[in-house]
Amino acid sequence: MLFDHWGPDNQTIKAFHTEICRGTHGLIQELLLHLRDEDCLVVQGRARNYYGVQLAIHTIRQFGEENLWFPHTQLLLTIHDRRLDLQISHPGNALLAASSSPCDVTCRPRLTVVATA
């Protein structure tokens, strides 16, 4: 993670990075986080197995509901030379209600599989 200016957004992303590393017990390697837009954080990495993917999804949902300011996280993982692209929504986040995001905060939590290669 390289940032030109250190601010509250970067501190939250660093905390999120730390939490994913801790929550996945090292099963996600080459972990990178970056903001795609104002409303989406992209998490990229290489998973050793699908259990690591499950741990990453759980950690992202838990952290996202408690701390993040955007409606969803995109999880891009490579598992055994296959690419997994998941969209994880955070509709329960109270901060989202005040945002102008296209995400409907009244929808039920969902996990959307965008694509697998």
PDB file of N, CA and C in Angstrom:
ATOM      1  N   MET A   1       0.838  -1.172   0.000  1.00  0.00           N
ATOM      2  CA  MET A   1       0.000   0.000   0.000  1.00  0.00           C
ATOM      3  C   MET A   1       0.887   1.240   0.000  1.00  0.00           C
ATOM      4  N   LEU A   2       0.802   2.016  -1.023  1.00  0.00           N
ATOM      5  CA  LEU A   2       1.556   3.257  -1.105  1.00  0.00           C
ATOM      6  C   LEU A   2       0.582   4.411  -1.137  1.00  0.00           C
ATOM      7  N   PHE A   3       0.813   5.408  -0.288  1.00  0.00           N
ATOM      8  CA  PHE A   3      -0.055   6.569  -0.223  1.00  0.00           C
ATOM      9  C   PHE A   3       0.795   7.821  -0.207  1.00  0.00           C
ATOM     10  N   ASP A   4       0.347   8.844  -0.949  1.00  0.00           N
ATOM     11  CA  ASP A   4       1.073  10.099  -0.985  1.00  0.00           C
ATOM     12  C   ASP A   4       0.880  10.890   0.301  1.00  0.00           C
ATOM     13  N   HIS A   5      -0.338  10.900   0.815  1.00  0.00           N
ATOM     14  CA  HIS A   5      -0.655  11.661   2.019  1.00  0.00           C
ATOM     15  C   HIS A   5      -1.296  10.734   3.029  1.00  0.00           C
ATOM     16  N   TRP A   6      -0.887  10.827   4.267  1.00  0.00           N
ATOM     17  CA  TRP A   6      -1.429   9.959   5.302  1.00  0.00           C
ATOM     18  C   TRP A   6      -2.586  10.675   5.979  1.00  0.00           C
ATOM     19  N   GLY A   7      -3.763  10.062   5.951  1.00  0.00           N
ATOM     20  CA  GLY A   7      -4.940  10.667   6.550  1.00  0.00           C
ATOM     21  C   GLY A   7      -5.822   9.613   7.171  1.00  0.00           C
ATOM     22  N   PRO A   8      -7.010  10.005   7.611  1.00  0.00           N
ATOM     23  CA  PRO A   8      -7.914   9.057   8.267  1.00  0.00           C
ATOM     24  C   PRO A   8      -8.335   7.896   7.365  1.00  0.00           C
ATOM     25  N   ASP A   9      -8.514   8.161   6.060  1.00  0.00           N
ATOM     26  CA  ASP A   9      -8.873   7.076   5.147  1.00  0.00           C
ATOM     27  C   ASP A   9      -7.776   6.031   5.093  1.00  0.00           C
ATOM     28  N   ASN A  10      -6.540   6.477   4.992  1.00  0.00           N
ATOM     29  CA  ASN A  10      -5.414   5.560   4.918  1.00  0.00           C
ATOM     30  C   ASN A  10      -5.242   4.779   6.217  1.00  0.00           C
ATOM     31  N   GLN A  11      -5.525   5.402   7.344  1.00  0.00           N
ATOM     32  CA  GLN A  11      -5.440   4.702   8.629  1.00  0.00           C
ATOM     33  C   GLN A  11      -6.478   3.595   8.701  1.00  0.00           C
ATOM     34  N   THR A  12      -7.679   3.851   8.187  1.00  0.00           N
ATOM     35  CA  THR A  12      -8.722   2.833   8.181  1.00  0.00           C
ATOM     36  C   THR A  12      -8.342   1.690   7.247  1.00  0.00           C
ATOM     37  N   ILE A  13      -7.781   2.009   6.090  1.00  0.00           N
ATOM     38  CA  ILE A  13      -7.356   0.973   5.146  1.00  0.00           C
ATOM     39  C   ILE A  13      -6.234   0.136   5.762  1.00  0.00           C
ATOM     40  N   LYS A  14      -5.314   0.773   6.446  1.00  0.00           N
ATOM     41  CA  LYS A  14      -4.234   0.031   7.108  1.00  0.00           C
ATOM     42  C   LYS A  14      -4.795  -0.885   8.194  1.00  0.00           C
ATOM     43  N   ALA A  15      -5.763  -0.388   8.964  1.00  0.00           N
ATOM     44  CA  ALA A  15      -6.397  -1.209   9.997  1.00  0.00           C
ATOM     45  C   ALA A  15      -7.136  -2.386   9.358  1.00  0.00           C
ATOM     46  N   PHE A  16      -7.784  -2.141   8.211  1.00  0.00           N
ATOM     47  CA  PHE A  16      -8.495  -3.190   7.485  1.00  0.00           C
ATOM     48  C   PHE A  16      -7.505  -4.245   6.992  1.00  0.00           C
ATOM     49  N   HIS A  17      -6.374  -3.812   6.452  1.00  0.00           N
ATOM     50  CA  HIS A  17      -5.319  -4.715   5.990  1.00  0.00           C
ATOM     51  C   HIS A  17      -4.845  -5.599   7.136  1.00  0.00           C
ATOM     52  N   THR A  18      -4.586  -4.990   8.274  1.00  0.00           N
ATOM     53  CA  THR A  18      -4.131  -5.723   9.454  1.00  0.00           C
ATOM     54  C   THR A  18      -5.177  -6.744   9.896  1.00  0.00           C
ATOM     55  N   GLU A  19      -6.443  -6.340   9.884  1.00  0.00           N
ATOM     56  CA  GLU A  19      -7.529  -7.226  10.304  1.00  0.00           C
ATOM     57  C   GLU A  19      -7.693  -8.405   9.345  1.00  0.00           C
ATOM     58  N   ILE A  20      -7.549  -8.183   8.038  1.00  0.00           N
ATOM     59  CA  ILE A  20      -7.642  -9.284   7.083  1.00  0.00           C
ATOM     60  C   ILE A  20      -6.490 -10.265   7.294  1.00  0.00           C
ATOM     61  N   CYS A  21      -5.288  -9.761   7.508  1.00  0.00           N
ATOM     62  CA  CYS A  21      -4.141 -10.642   7.771  1.00  0.00           C
ATOM     63  C   CYS A  21      -4.375 -11.486   9.020  1.00  0.00           C
ATOM     64  N   ARG A  22      -4.880 -10.838  10.068  1.00  0.00           N
ATOM     65  CA  ARG A  22      -5.137 -11.539  11.321  1.00  0.00           C
ATOM     66  C   ARG A  22      -6.294 -12.525  11.159  1.00  0.00           C
ATOM     67  N   GLY A  23      -7.380 -12.077  10.526  1.00  0.00           N
ATOM     68  CA  GLY A  23      -8.575 -12.897  10.404  1.00  0.00           C
ATOM     69  C   GLY A  23      -8.432 -14.099   9.488  1.00  0.00           C
ATOM     70  N   THR A  24      -7.494 -14.042   8.557  1.00  0.00           N
ATOM     71  CA  THR A  24      -7.297 -15.156   7.623  1.00  0.00           C
ATOM     72  C   THR A  24      -6.128 -16.047   8.026  1.00  0.00           C
ATOM     73  N   HIS A  25      -5.465 -15.741   9.109  1.00  0.00           N
ATOM     74  CA  HIS A  25      -4.379 -16.566   9.663  1.00  0.00           C
ATOM     75  C   HIS A  25      -3.286 -16.868   8.639  1.00  0.00           C
ATOM     76  N   GLY A  26      -2.987 -15.888   7.781  1.00  0.00           N
ATOM     77  CA  GLY A  26      -1.918 -16.051   6.810  1.00  0.00           C
ATOM     78  C   GLY A  26      -2.291 -16.861   5.578  1.00  0.00           C
ATOM     79  N   LEU A  27      -3.571 -17.193   5.403  1.00  0.00           N
ATOM     80  CA  LEU A  27      -3.980 -17.971   4.235  1.00  0.00           C
ATOM     81  C   LEU A  27      -4.155 -17.115   2.983  1.00  0.00           C
ATOM     82  N   ILE A  28      -4.091 -15.788   3.128  1.00  0.00           N
ATOM     83  CA  ILE A  28      -4.115 -14.880   1.986  1.00  0.00           C
ATOM     84  C   ILE A  28      -2.741 -14.224   1.889  1.00  0.00           C
ATOM     85  N   GLN A  29      -2.098 -14.384   0.755  1.00  0.00           N
ATOM     86  CA  GLN A  29      -0.775 -13.821   0.541  1.00  0.00           C
ATOM     87  C   GLN A  29      -0.842 -12.723  -0.506  1.00  0.00           C
ATOM     88  N   GLU A  30       0.224 -11.928  -0.587  1.00  0.00           N
ATOM     89  CA  GLU A  30       0.318 -10.832  -1.558  1.00  0.00           C
ATOM     90  C   GLU A  30      -0.905  -9.920  -1.475  1.00  0.00           C
ATOM     91  N   LEU A  31      -1.305  -9.593  -0.254  1.00  0.00           N
ATOM     92  CA  LEU A  31      -2.514  -8.816  -0.003  1.00  0.00           C
ATOM     93  C   LEU A  31      -2.296  -7.340  -0.305  1.00  0.00           C
ATOM     94  N   LEU A  32      -3.144  -6.785  -1.173  1.00  0.00           N
ATOM     95  CA  LEU A  32      -3.121  -5.370  -1.527  1.00  0.00           C
ATOM     96  C   LEU A  32      -4.519  -4.801  -1.369  1.00  0.00           C
ATOM     97  N   LEU A  33      -4.614  -3.586  -0.844  1.00  0.00           N
ATOM     98  CA  LEU A  33      -5.884  -2.890  -0.714  1.00  0.00           C
ATOM     99  C   LEU A  33      -5.772  -1.542  -1.387  1.00  0.00           C
ATOM    100  N   HIS A  34      -6.806  -1.144  -2.126  1.00  0.00           N
ATOM    101  CA  HIS A  34      -6.830   0.190  -2.714  1.00  0.00           C
ATOM    102  C   HIS A  34      -8.266   0.615  -2.964  1.00  0.00           C
ATOM    103  N   LEU A  35      -8.478   1.912  -2.944  1.00  0.00           N
ATOM    104  CA  LEU A  35      -9.804   2.460  -3.229  1.00  0.00           C
ATOM    105  C   LEU A  35     -10.005   2.543  -4.739  1.00  0.00           C
ATOM    106  N   ARG A  36     -11.092   1.952  -5.215  1.00  0.00           N
ATOM    107  CA  ARG A  36     -11.413   2.040  -6.647  1.00  0.00           C
ATOM    108  C   ARG A  36     -12.183   3.321  -6.916  1.00  0.00           C
ATOM    109  N   ASP A  37     -13.161   3.581  -6.122  1.00  0.00           N
ATOM    110  CA  ASP A  37     -13.968   4.790  -6.193  1.00  0.00           C
ATOM    111  C   ASP A  37     -14.182   5.241  -4.753  1.00  0.00           C
ATOM    112  N   GLU A  38     -14.988   6.246  -4.591  1.00  0.00           N
ATOM    113  CA  GLU A  38     -15.335   6.685  -3.242  1.00  0.00           C
ATOM    114  C   GLU A  38     -16.182   5.646  -2.522  1.00  0.00           C
ATOM    115  N   ASP A  39     -16.790   4.721  -3.262  1.00  0.00           N
ATOM    116  CA  ASP A  39     -17.717   3.792  -2.642  1.00  0.00           C
ATOM    117  C   ASP A  39     -17.259   2.338  -2.664  1.00  0.00           C
ATOM    118  N   CYS A  40     -16.013   2.051  -3.030  1.00  0.00           N
ATOM    119  CA  CYS A  40     -15.577   0.660  -3.125  1.00  0.00           C
ATOM    120  C   CYS A  40     -14.099   0.502  -2.779  1.00  0.00           C
ATOM    121  N   LEU A  41     -13.826  -0.429  -1.883  1.00  0.00           N
ATOM    122  CA  LEU A  41     -12.452  -0.802  -1.562  1.00  0.00           C
ATOM    123  C   LEU A  41     -12.174  -2.131  -2.260  1.00  0.00           C
ATOM    124  N   VAL A  42     -11.046  -2.239  -2.935  1.00  0.00           N
ATOM    125  CA  VAL A  42     -10.663  -3.467  -3.619  1.00  0.00           C
ATOM    126  C   VAL A  42      -9.602  -4.179  -2.784  1.00  0.00           C
ATOM    127  N   VAL A  43      -9.852  -5.456  -2.516  1.00  0.00           N
ATOM    128  CA  VAL A  43      -8.928  -6.306  -1.771  1.00  0.00           C
ATOM    129  C   VAL A  43      -8.439  -7.368  -2.736  1.00  0.00           C
ATOM    130  N   GLN A  44      -7.132  -7.414  -2.987  1.00  0.00           N
ATOM    131  CA  GLN A  44      -6.545  -8.369  -3.917  1.00  0.00           C
ATOM    132  C   GLN A  44      -5.545  -9.235  -3.187  1.00  0.00           C
ATOM    133  N   GLY A  45      -5.416 -10.476  -3.655  1.00  0.00           N
ATOM    134  CA  GLY A  45      -4.426 -11.357  -3.059  1.00  0.00           C
ATOM    135  C   GLY A  45      -4.463 -12.738  -3.674  1.00  0.00           C
ATOM    136  N   ARG A  46      -3.681 -13.608  -3.070  1.00  0.00           N
ATOM    137  CA  ARG A  46      -3.585 -15.002  -3.497  1.00  0.00           C
ATOM    138  C   ARG A  46      -3.946 -15.859  -2.296  1.00  0.00           C
ATOM    139  N   ALA A  47      -4.968 -16.717  -2.476  1.00  0.00           N
ATOM    140  CA  ALA A  47      -5.425 -17.581  -1.392  1.00  0.00           C
ATOM    141  C   ALA A  47      -4.807 -18.968  -1.546  1.00  0.00           C
ATOM    142  N   ARG A  48      -4.420 -19.544  -0.426  1.00  0.00           N
ATOM    143  CA  ARG A  48      -3.873 -20.902  -0.458  1.00  0.00           C
ATOM    144  C   ARG A  48      -4.957 -21.945  -0.702  1.00  0.00           C
ATOM    145  N   ASN A  49      -6.178 -21.651  -0.211  1.00  0.00           N
ATOM    146  CA  ASN A  49      -7.289 -22.596  -0.356  1.00  0.00           C
ATOM    147  C   ASN A  49      -8.606 -21.842  -0.184  1.00  0.00           C
ATOM    148  N   TYR A  50      -9.716 -22.549  -0.360  1.00  0.00           N
ATOM    149  CA  TYR A  50     -11.021 -21.908  -0.265  1.00  0.00           C
ATOM    150  C   TYR A  50     -11.404 -21.592   1.182  1.00  0.00           C
ATOM    151  N   TYR A  51     -10.796 -22.250   2.126  1.00  0.00           N
ATOM    152  CA  TYR A  51     -11.024 -21.895   3.525  1.00  0.00           C
ATOM    153  C   TYR A  51     -10.505 -20.474   3.781  1.00  0.00           C
ATOM    154  N   GLY A  52      -9.380 -20.139   3.193  1.00  0.00           N
ATOM    155  CA  GLY A  52      -8.854 -18.776   3.295  1.00  0.00           C
ATOM    156  C   GLY A  52      -9.815 -17.760   2.702  1.00  0.00           C
ATOM    157  N   VAL A  53     -10.493 -18.133   1.604  1.00  0.00           N
ATOM    158  CA  VAL A  53     -11.488 -17.257   0.987  1.00  0.00           C
ATOM    159  C   VAL A  53     -12.651 -17.052   1.953  1.00  0.00           C
ATOM    160  N   GLN A  54     -13.127 -18.126   2.572  1.00  0.00           N
ATOM    161  CA  GLN A  54     -14.219 -18.019   3.538  1.00  0.00           C
ATOM    162  C   GLN A  54     -13.844 -17.106   4.705  1.00  0.00           C
ATOM    163  N   LEU A  55     -12.624 -17.261   5.199  1.00  0.00           N
ATOM    164  CA  LEU A  55     -12.161 -16.399   6.294  1.00  0.00           C
ATOM    165  C   LEU A  55     -12.086 -14.939   5.850  1.00  0.00           C
ATOM    166  N   ALA A  56     -11.623 -14.713   4.617  1.00  0.00           N
ATOM    167  CA  ALA A  56     -11.539 -13.342   4.101  1.00  0.00           C
ATOM    168  C   ALA A  56     -12.927 -12.725   3.981  1.00  0.00           C
ATOM    169  N   ILE A  57     -13.896 -13.478   3.459  1.00  0.00           N
ATOM    170  CA  ILE A  57     -15.262 -12.975   3.338  1.00  0.00           C
ATOM    171  C   ILE A  57     -15.813 -12.620   4.713  1.00  0.00           C
ATOM    172  N   HIS A  58     -15.639 -13.512   5.668  1.00  0.00           N
ATOM    173  CA  HIS A  58     -16.138 -13.258   7.023  1.00  0.00           C
ATOM    174  C   HIS A  58     -15.485 -12.017   7.629  1.00  0.00           C
ATOM    175  N   THR A  59     -14.181 -11.903   7.496  1.00  0.00           N
ATOM    176  CA  THR A  59     -13.454 -10.761   8.062  1.00  0.00           C
ATOM    177  C   THR A  59     -13.884  -9.453   7.398  1.00  0.00           C
ATOM    178  N   ILE A  60     -14.034  -9.460   6.080  1.00  0.00           N
ATOM    179  CA  ILE A  60     -14.448  -8.261   5.342  1.00  0.00           C
ATOM    180  C   ILE A  60     -15.852  -7.837   5.769  1.00  0.00           C
ATOM    181  N   ARG A  61     -16.766  -8.782   5.860  1.00  0.00           N
ATOM    182  CA  ARG A  61     -18.143  -8.444   6.265  1.00  0.00           C
ATOM    183  C   ARG A  61     -18.172  -7.895   7.683  1.00  0.00           C
ATOM    184  N   GLN A  62     -17.453  -8.533   8.576  1.00  0.00           N
ATOM    185  CA  GLN A  62     -17.447  -8.094   9.969  1.00  0.00           C
ATOM    186  C   GLN A  62     -16.827  -6.702  10.105  1.00  0.00           C
ATOM    187  N   PHE A  63     -15.675  -6.495   9.516  1.00  0.00           N
ATOM    188  CA  PHE A  63     -15.006  -5.196   9.591  1.00  0.00           C
ATOM    189  C   PHE A  63     -15.819  -4.127   8.871  1.00  0.00           C
ATOM    190  N   GLY A  64     -16.392  -4.491   7.728  1.00  0.00           N
ATOM    191  CA  GLY A  64     -17.175  -3.544   6.940  1.00  0.00           C
ATOM    192  C   GLY A  64     -18.416  -3.055   7.652  1.00  0.00           C
ATOM    193  N   GLU A  65     -19.069  -3.914   8.396  1.00  0.00           N
ATOM    194  CA  GLU A  65     -20.264  -3.511   9.122  1.00  0.00           C
ATOM    195  C   GLU A  65     -19.937  -2.608  10.301  1.00  0.00           C
ATOM    196  N   GLU A  66     -18.735  -2.713  10.835  1.00  0.00           N
ATOM    197  CA  GLU A  66     -18.364  -1.954  12.020  1.00  0.00           C
ATOM    198  C   GLU A  66     -17.596  -0.672  11.719  1.00  0.00           C
ATOM    199  N   ASN A  67     -16.817  -0.637  10.637  1.00  0.00           N
ATOM    200  CA  ASN A  67     -15.842   0.433  10.478  1.00  0.00           C
ATOM    201  C   ASN A  67     -15.843   1.190   9.156  1.00  0.00           C
ATOM    202  N   LEU A  68     -16.264   0.594   8.081  1.00  0.00           N
ATOM    203  CA  LEU A  68     -16.017   1.209   6.785  1.00  0.00           C
ATOM    204  C   LEU A  68     -17.072   2.220   6.399  1.00  0.00           C
ATOM    205  N   TRP A  69     -16.713   3.105   5.519  1.00  0.00           N
ATOM    206  CA  TRP A  69     -17.555   4.213   5.107  1.00  0.00           C
ATOM    207  C   TRP A  69     -18.084   4.047   3.698  1.00  0.00           C
ATOM    208  N   PHE A  70     -17.918   2.893   3.080  1.00  0.00           N
ATOM    209  CA  PHE A  70     -18.392   2.681   1.721  1.00  0.00           C
ATOM    210  C   PHE A  70     -19.287   1.442   1.683  1.00  0.00           C
ATOM    211  N   PRO A  71     -20.166   1.335   0.682  1.00  0.00           N
ATOM    212  CA  PRO A  71     -21.189   0.297   0.681  1.00  0.00           C
ATOM    213  C   PRO A  71     -20.738  -1.112   0.306  1.00  0.00           C
ATOM    214  N   HIS A  72     -19.586  -1.250  -0.347  1.00  0.00           N
ATOM    215  CA  HIS A  72     -19.169  -2.607  -0.690  1.00  0.00           C
ATOM    216  C   HIS A  72     -17.658  -2.717  -0.858  1.00  0.00           C
ATOM    217  N   THR A  73     -17.215  -3.968  -0.811  1.00  0.00           N
ATOM    218  CA  THR A  73     -15.810  -4.303  -0.994  1.00  0.00           C
ATOM    219  C   THR A  73     -15.730  -5.317  -2.128  1.00  0.00           C
ATOM    220  N   GLN A  74     -14.788  -5.128  -3.025  1.00  0.00           N
ATOM    221  CA  GLN A  74     -14.548  -6.088  -4.092  1.00  0.00           C
ATOM    222  C   GLN A  74     -13.369  -6.959  -3.675  1.00  0.00           C
ATOM    223  N   LEU A  75     -13.582  -8.263  -3.649  1.00  0.00           N
ATOM    224  CA  LEU A  75     -12.548  -9.213  -3.259  1.00  0.00           C
ATOM    225  C   LEU A  75     -12.076  -9.944  -4.506  1.00  0.00           C
ATOM    226  N   LEU A  76     -10.815  -9.730  -4.879  1.00  0.00           N
ATOM    227  CA  LEU A  76     -10.212 -10.370  -6.054  1.00  0.00           C
ATOM    228  C   LEU A  76      -9.118 -11.305  -5.567  1.00  0.00           C
ATOM    229  N   LEU A  77      -9.369 -12.593  -5.636  1.00  0.00           N
ATOM    230  CA  LEU A  77      -8.392 -13.568  -5.156  1.00  0.00           C
ATOM    231  C   LEU A  77      -8.051 -14.564  -6.254  1.00  0.00           C
ATOM    232  N   THR A  78      -6.825 -15.037  -6.227  1.00  0.00           N
ATOM    233  CA  THR A  78      -6.393 -16.110  -7.101  1.00  0.00           C
ATOM    234  C   THR A  78      -6.186 -17.346  -6.240  1.00  0.00           C
ATOM    235  N   ILE A  79      -6.856 -18.441  -6.629  1.00  0.00           N
ATOM    236  CA  ILE A  79      -6.756 -19.706  -5.910  1.00  0.00           C
ATOM    237  C   ILE A  79      -6.390 -20.774  -6.927  1.00  0.00           C
ATOM    238  N   HIS A  80      -5.236 -21.381  -6.775  1.00  0.00           N
ATOM    239  CA  HIS A  80      -4.789 -22.442  -7.680  1.00  0.00           C
ATOM    240  C   HIS A  80      -4.929 -22.017  -9.142  1.00  0.00           C
ATOM    241  N   ASP A  81      -4.412 -20.857  -9.487  1.00  0.00           N
ATOM    242  CA  ASP A  81      -4.424 -20.311 -10.847  1.00  0.00           C
ATOM    243  C   ASP A  81      -5.831 -20.013 -11.377  1.00  0.00           C
ATOM    244  N   ARG A  82      -6.812 -19.910 -10.503  1.00  0.00           N
ATOM    245  CA  ARG A  82      -8.169 -19.499 -10.874  1.00  0.00           C
ATOM    246  C   ARG A  82      -8.466 -18.189 -10.182  1.00  0.00           C
ATOM    247  N   ARG A  83      -9.119 -17.300 -10.896  1.00  0.00           N
ATOM    248  CA  ARG A  83      -9.438 -15.979 -10.346  1.00  0.00           C
ATOM    249  C   ARG A  83     -10.868 -15.963  -9.815  1.00  0.00           C
ATOM    250  N   LEU A  84     -11.021 -15.443  -8.619  1.00  0.00           N
ATOM    251  CA  LEU A  84     -12.316 -15.318  -7.984  1.00  0.00           C
ATOM    252  C   LEU A  84     -12.580 -13.841  -7.738  1.00  0.00           C
ATOM    253  N   ASP A  85     -13.722 -13.351  -8.220  1.00  0.00           N
ATOM    254  CA  ASP A  85     -14.073 -11.939  -8.111  1.00  0.00           C
ATOM    255  C   ASP A  85     -15.413 -11.849  -7.384  1.00  0.00           C
ATOM    256  N   LEU A  86     -15.394 -11.358  -6.142  1.00  0.00           N
ATOM    257  CA  LEU A  86     -16.600 -11.282  -5.322  1.00  0.00           C
ATOM    258  C   LEU A  86     -16.904  -9.843  -4.938  1.00  0.00           C
ATOM    259  N   GLN A  87     -18.176  -9.526  -4.872  1.00  0.00           N
ATOM    260  CA  GLN A  87     -18.646  -8.221  -4.422  1.00  0.00           C
ATOM    261  C   GLN A  87     -19.318  -8.449  -3.068  1.00  0.00           C
ATOM    262  N   ILE A  88     -18.808  -7.833  -2.007  1.00  0.00           N
ATOM    263  CA  ILE A  88     -19.346  -8.020  -0.667  1.00  0.00           C
ATOM    264  C   ILE A  88     -19.979  -6.713  -0.218  1.00  0.00           C
ATOM    265  N   SER A  89     -21.290  -6.758   0.027  1.00  0.00           N
ATOM    266  CA  SER A  89     -22.030  -5.561   0.425  1.00  0.00           C
ATOM    267  C   SER A  89     -21.967  -5.355   1.928  1.00  0.00           C
ATOM    268  N   HIS A  90     -22.051  -4.089   2.329  1.00  0.00           N
ATOM    269  CA  HIS A  90     -22.072  -3.707   3.737  1.00  0.00           C
ATOM    270  C   HIS A  90     -23.321  -2.873   4.013  1.00  0.00           C
ATOM    271  N   PRO A  91     -24.514  -3.388   3.753  1.00  0.00           N
ATOM    272  CA  PRO A  91     -25.714  -2.572   3.907  1.00  0.00           C
ATOM    273  C   PRO A  91     -26.047  -2.230   5.347  1.00  0.00           C
ATOM    274  N   GLY A  92     -25.498  -2.942   6.298  1.00  0.00           N
ATOM    275  CA  GLY A  92     -25.808  -2.681   7.701  1.00  0.00           C
ATOM    276  C   GLY A  92     -25.019  -1.531   8.292  1.00  0.00           C
ATOM    277  N   ASN A  93     -24.087  -0.966   7.550  1.00  0.00           N
ATOM    278  CA  ASN A  93     -23.244   0.099   8.063  1.00  0.00           C
ATOM    279  C   ASN A  93     -24.064   1.377   8.231  1.00  0.00           C
ATOM    280  N   ALA A  94     -24.139   1.879   9.448  1.00  0.00           N
ATOM    281  CA  ALA A  94     -24.942   3.070   9.746  1.00  0.00           C
ATOM    282  C   ALA A  94     -24.434   4.304   9.009  1.00  0.00           C
ATOM    283  N   LEU A  95     -23.146   4.366   8.717  1.00  0.00           N
ATOM    284  CA  LEU A  95     -22.591   5.530   8.028  1.00  0.00           C
ATOM    285  C   LEU A  95     -23.094   5.631   6.591  1.00  0.00           C
ATOM    286  N   LEU A  96     -23.539   4.524   6.034  1.00  0.00           N
ATOM    287  CA  LEU A  96     -23.973   4.528   4.640  1.00  0.00           C
ATOM    288  C   LEU A  96     -25.309   5.223   4.453  1.00  0.00           C
ATOM    289  N   ALA A  97     -26.104   5.278   5.490  1.00  0.00           N
ATOM    290  CA  ALA A  97     -27.419   5.886   5.373  1.00  0.00           C
ATOM    291  C   ALA A  97     -27.325   7.349   4.972  1.00  0.00           C
ATOM    292  N   ALA A  98     -26.264   8.023   5.366  1.00  0.00           N
ATOM    293  CA  ALA A  98     -26.091   9.435   5.055  1.00  0.00           C
ATOM    294  C   ALA A  98     -25.345   9.654   3.740  1.00  0.00           C
ATOM    295  N   SER A  99     -24.851   8.602   3.129  1.00  0.00           N
ATOM    296  CA  SER A  99     -24.056   8.769   1.913  1.00  0.00           C
ATOM    297  C   SER A  99     -24.960   8.845   0.690  1.00  0.00           C
ATOM    298  N   SER A 100     -24.391   9.304  -0.410  1.00  0.00           N
ATOM    299  CA  SER A 100     -25.129   9.385  -1.669  1.00  0.00           C
ATOM    300  C   SER A 100     -24.770   8.222  -2.572  1.00  0.00           C
ATOM    301  N   SER A 101     -24.455   7.103  -1.980  1.00  0.00           N
ATOM    302  CA  SER A 101     -24.031   5.935  -2.718  1.00  0.00           C
ATOM    303  C   SER A 101     -25.205   5.271  -3.436  1.00  0.00           C
ATOM    304  N   PRO A 102     -24.946   4.595  -4.558  1.00  0.00           N
ATOM    305  CA  PRO A 102     -26.028   3.899  -5.252  1.00  0.00           C
ATOM    306  C   PRO A 102     -26.499   2.650  -4.520  1.00  0.00           C
ATOM    307  N   CYS A 103     -25.818   2.233  -3.473  1.00  0.00           N
ATOM    308  CA  CYS A 103     -26.211   1.034  -2.744  1.00  0.00           C
ATOM    309  C   CYS A 103     -27.463   1.303  -1.919  1.00  0.00           C
ATOM    310  N   ASP A 104     -28.437   0.414  -1.990  1.00  0.00           N
ATOM    311  CA  ASP A 104     -29.651   0.523  -1.188  1.00  0.00           C
ATOM    312  C   ASP A 104     -29.353  -0.027   0.196  1.00  0.00           C
ATOM    313  N   VAL A 105     -29.299   0.827   1.203  1.00  0.00           N
ATOM    314  CA  VAL A 105     -28.929   0.400   2.543  1.00  0.00           C
ATOM    315  C   VAL A 105     -30.028  -0.380   3.232  1.00  0.00           C
ATOM    316  N   THR A 106     -31.197  -0.461   2.638  1.00  0.00           N
ATOM    317  CA  THR A 106     -32.277  -1.231   3.245  1.00  0.00           C
ATOM    318  C   THR A 106     -32.280  -2.680   2.772  1.00  0.00           C
ATOM    319  N   CYS A 107     -31.448  -3.021   1.811  1.00  0.00           N
ATOM    320  CA  CYS A 107     -31.432  -4.381   1.302  1.00  0.00           C
ATOM    321  C   CYS A 107     -30.805  -5.336   2.310  1.00  0.00           C
ATOM    322  N   ARG A 108     -31.142  -6.608   2.185  1.00  0.00           N
ATOM    323  CA  ARG A 108     -30.556  -7.601   3.071  1.00  0.00           C
ATOM    324  C   ARG A 108     -29.092  -7.802   2.700  1.00  0.00           C
ATOM    325  N   PRO A 109     -28.252  -8.194   3.687  1.00  0.00           N
ATOM    326  CA  PRO A 109     -26.851  -8.471   3.359  1.00  0.00           C
ATOM    327  C   PRO A 109     -26.775  -9.550   2.278  1.00  0.00           C
ATOM    328  N   ARG A 110     -25.861  -9.371   1.346  1.00  0.00           N
ATOM    329  CA  ARG A 110     -25.742 -10.347   0.272  1.00  0.00           C
ATOM    330  C   ARG A 110     -24.287 -10.484  -0.150  1.00  0.00           C
ATOM    331  N   LEU A 111     -24.007 -11.601  -0.728  1.00  0.00           N
ATOM    332  CA  LEU A 111     -22.704 -11.859  -1.318  1.00  0.00           C
ATOM    333  C   LEU A 111     -22.966 -12.170  -2.769  1.00  0.00           C
ATOM    334  N   THR A 112     -22.415 -11.385  -3.672  1.00  0.00           N
ATOM    335  CA  THR A 112     -22.651 -11.550  -5.093  1.00  0.00           C
ATOM    336  C   THR A 112     -21.381 -12.049  -5.759  1.00  0.00           C
ATOM    337  N   VAL A 113     -21.460 -13.193  -6.417  1.00  0.00           N
ATOM    338  CA  VAL A 113     -20.323 -13.688  -7.171  1.00  0.00           C
ATOM    339  C   VAL A 113     -20.357 -12.996  -8.527  1.00  0.00           C
ATOM    340  N   VAL A 114     -19.350 -12.166  -8.780  1.00  0.00           N
ATOM    341  CA  VAL A 114     -19.301 -11.396 -10.012  1.00  0.00           C
ATOM    342  C   VAL A 114     -18.785 -12.271 -11.155  1.00  0.00           C
ATOM    343  N   ALA A 115     -17.685 -12.947 -10.942  1.00  0.00           N
ATOM    344  CA  ALA A 115     -17.122 -13.776 -12.008  1.00  0.00           C
ATOM    345  C   ALA A 115     -16.089 -14.731 -11.441  1.00  0.00           C
ATOM    346  N   THR A 116     -15.963 -15.874 -12.041  1.00  0.00           N
ATOM    347  CA  THR A 116     -14.868 -16.787 -11.735  1.00  0.00           C
ATOM    348  C   THR A 116     -14.214 -17.178 -13.037  1.00  0.00           C
ATOM    349  N   ALA A 117     -12.914 -17.276 -13.000  1.00  0.00           N
ATOM    350  CA  ALA A 117     -12.199 -17.607 -14.243  1.00  0.00           C
ATOM    351  C   ALA A 117     -11.563 -18.957 -14.128  1.00  0.00           C
TER     352      ALA A 117
END
